[in-house]
Amino acid sequence: MILSAAPGTIVRTATVEDVPLFTPEMLKARGDDDWLTGTYAAPPASGIEVVLALEPGSRADFIVTERTPDLPPDVPGFTRQPRPATVMDAGDQTIVSRRVTFEEQP
């Protein structure tokens, strides 16, 4: 799982399954125009808990991305073709991402 905080999103702390996602050094060194990106390897299929401490009253934008090896087995209208022996296969991936925005409501 990859969690990316958009420029301007103030992250105080972020943990995944009680493990810090960003080091204090990463948070301190981040510039105003920089994306902040952390990776959590091999999350279980049952899901994970992400806990964020954000700046009160501010807008927080994130992109969450998950990559899994190979392609889904049943995609309507898609038939996987064998690759020629001359093509080096680094492996297919399925990538899913979602943008999430947190805003304090009046």
Protein backbone atom coordinates (compact mmCIF):
# COMPACT_ATOMS: atom_id res chain seq x y z
CA MET A 1 0.00 0.00 0.00
CA ILE A 2 1.28 3.43 -0.89
CA LEU A 3 -0.06 6.49 0.92
CA SER A 4 0.76 9.87 -0.61
CA ALA A 5 -0.12 13.18 1.03
CA ALA A 6 -0.60 16.04 -1.41
CA PRO A 7 1.38 19.27 -1.12
CA GLY A 8 -0.17 21.46 1.55
CA THR A 9 -1.54 18.52 3.56
CA ILE A 10 -0.10 18.79 7.06
CA VAL A 11 0.54 15.36 8.54
CA ARG A 12 1.54 15.25 12.20
CA THR A 13 1.79 11.44 12.40
CA ALA A 14 0.71 8.46 10.34
CA THR A 15 0.73 4.82 11.41
CA VAL A 16 -0.23 1.59 9.68
CA GLU A 17 -1.00 -1.25 12.06
CA ASP A 18 0.71 0.77 14.84
CA VAL A 19 3.92 1.13 12.78
CA PRO A 20 4.99 4.70 11.83
CA LEU A 21 4.64 5.28 8.09
CA PHE A 22 6.66 8.50 8.02
CA THR A 23 9.76 9.14 10.11
CA PRO A 24 10.03 12.45 12.00
CA GLU A 25 12.91 13.31 9.65
CA MET A 26 10.67 12.80 6.60
CA LEU A 27 7.99 15.05 8.07
CA LYS A 28 10.51 17.75 9.02
CA ALA A 29 12.36 17.75 5.68
CA ARG A 30 9.23 18.02 3.53
CA GLY A 31 8.87 21.24 1.59
CA ASP A 32 5.54 23.03 1.01
CA ASP A 33 5.34 21.83 -2.60
CA ASP A 34 6.43 18.23 -1.95
CA TRP A 35 4.32 15.09 -1.95
CA LEU A 36 4.90 12.92 1.12
CA THR A 37 4.86 9.22 0.26
CA GLY A 38 5.13 6.15 2.48
CA THR A 39 4.88 2.45 1.68
CA TYR A 40 3.54 -0.45 3.73
CA ALA A 41 4.60 -3.79 2.22
CA ALA A 42 2.45 -6.90 1.96
CA PRO A 43 -0.79 -5.78 3.62
CA PRO A 44 -3.13 -8.69 4.37
CA ALA A 45 -6.21 -9.21 2.18
CA SER A 46 -8.36 -8.59 5.28
CA GLY A 47 -7.21 -4.95 5.28
CA ILE A 48 -5.14 -2.62 7.43
CA GLU A 49 -5.79 0.23 9.83
CA VAL A 50 -4.26 3.59 8.92
CA VAL A 51 -4.32 6.24 11.67
CA LEU A 52 -3.59 9.85 10.74
CA ALA A 53 -3.05 12.90 12.94
CA LEU A 54 -3.67 15.98 10.80
CA GLU A 55 -3.67 19.74 11.28
CA PRO A 56 -7.03 20.71 12.83
CA GLY A 57 -9.22 22.81 10.56
CA SER A 58 -7.19 22.19 7.42
CA ARG A 59 -7.94 20.27 4.26
CA ALA A 60 -6.04 16.99 3.82
CA ASP A 61 -5.70 15.26 0.44
CA PHE A 62 -4.29 11.77 0.00
CA ILE A 63 -3.89 9.22 -2.76
CA VAL A 64 -3.98 5.59 -1.63
CA THR A 65 -2.56 3.03 -4.06
CA GLU A 66 -2.46 -0.74 -3.90
CA ARG A 67 -0.49 -2.98 -6.27
CA THR A 68 -0.91 -6.71 -6.62
CA PRO A 69 0.98 -9.06 -8.90
CA ASP A 70 -0.67 -10.37 -12.06
CA LEU A 71 -3.98 -9.37 -13.59
CA PRO A 72 -7.47 -10.15 -12.30
CA PRO A 73 -8.54 -13.61 -13.53
CA ASP A 74 -11.96 -12.62 -14.88
CA VAL A 75 -12.07 -9.34 -16.78
CA PRO A 76 -15.06 -9.26 -19.14
CA GLY A 77 -13.99 -8.85 -22.76
CA PHE A 78 -10.28 -9.40 -22.05
CA THR A 79 -8.38 -12.47 -23.15
CA ARG A 80 -4.76 -12.68 -22.15
CA GLN A 81 -2.51 -13.48 -25.08
CA PRO A 82 0.75 -15.39 -24.65
CA ARG A 83 3.82 -13.25 -25.09
CA PRO A 84 6.35 -14.13 -27.76
CA ALA A 85 9.59 -15.72 -26.52
CA THR A 86 11.43 -12.55 -27.58
CA VAL A 87 9.53 -10.40 -25.05
CA MET A 88 10.98 -10.15 -21.58
CA ASP A 89 8.16 -10.31 -19.05
CA ALA A 90 8.78 -8.30 -15.90
CA GLY A 91 5.35 -9.32 -14.63
CA ASP A 92 1.90 -7.85 -14.88
CA GLN A 93 0.40 -5.83 -12.06
CA THR A 94 -3.03 -4.67 -11.06
CA ILE A 95 -2.95 -1.13 -9.67
CA VAL A 96 -5.89 0.49 -7.90
CA SER A 97 -5.81 4.01 -6.50
CA ARG A 98 -8.24 6.32 -4.80
CA ARG A 99 -8.07 9.97 -3.85
CA VAL A 100 -9.36 10.75 -0.35
CA THR A 101 -10.03 14.24 1.01
CA PHE A 102 -10.69 15.15 4.63
CA GLU A 103 -12.24 18.55 5.37
CA GLU A 104 -13.55 19.84 8.66
CA GLN A 105 -17.27 20.49 8.32
CA PRO A 106 -18.82 23.62 9.85
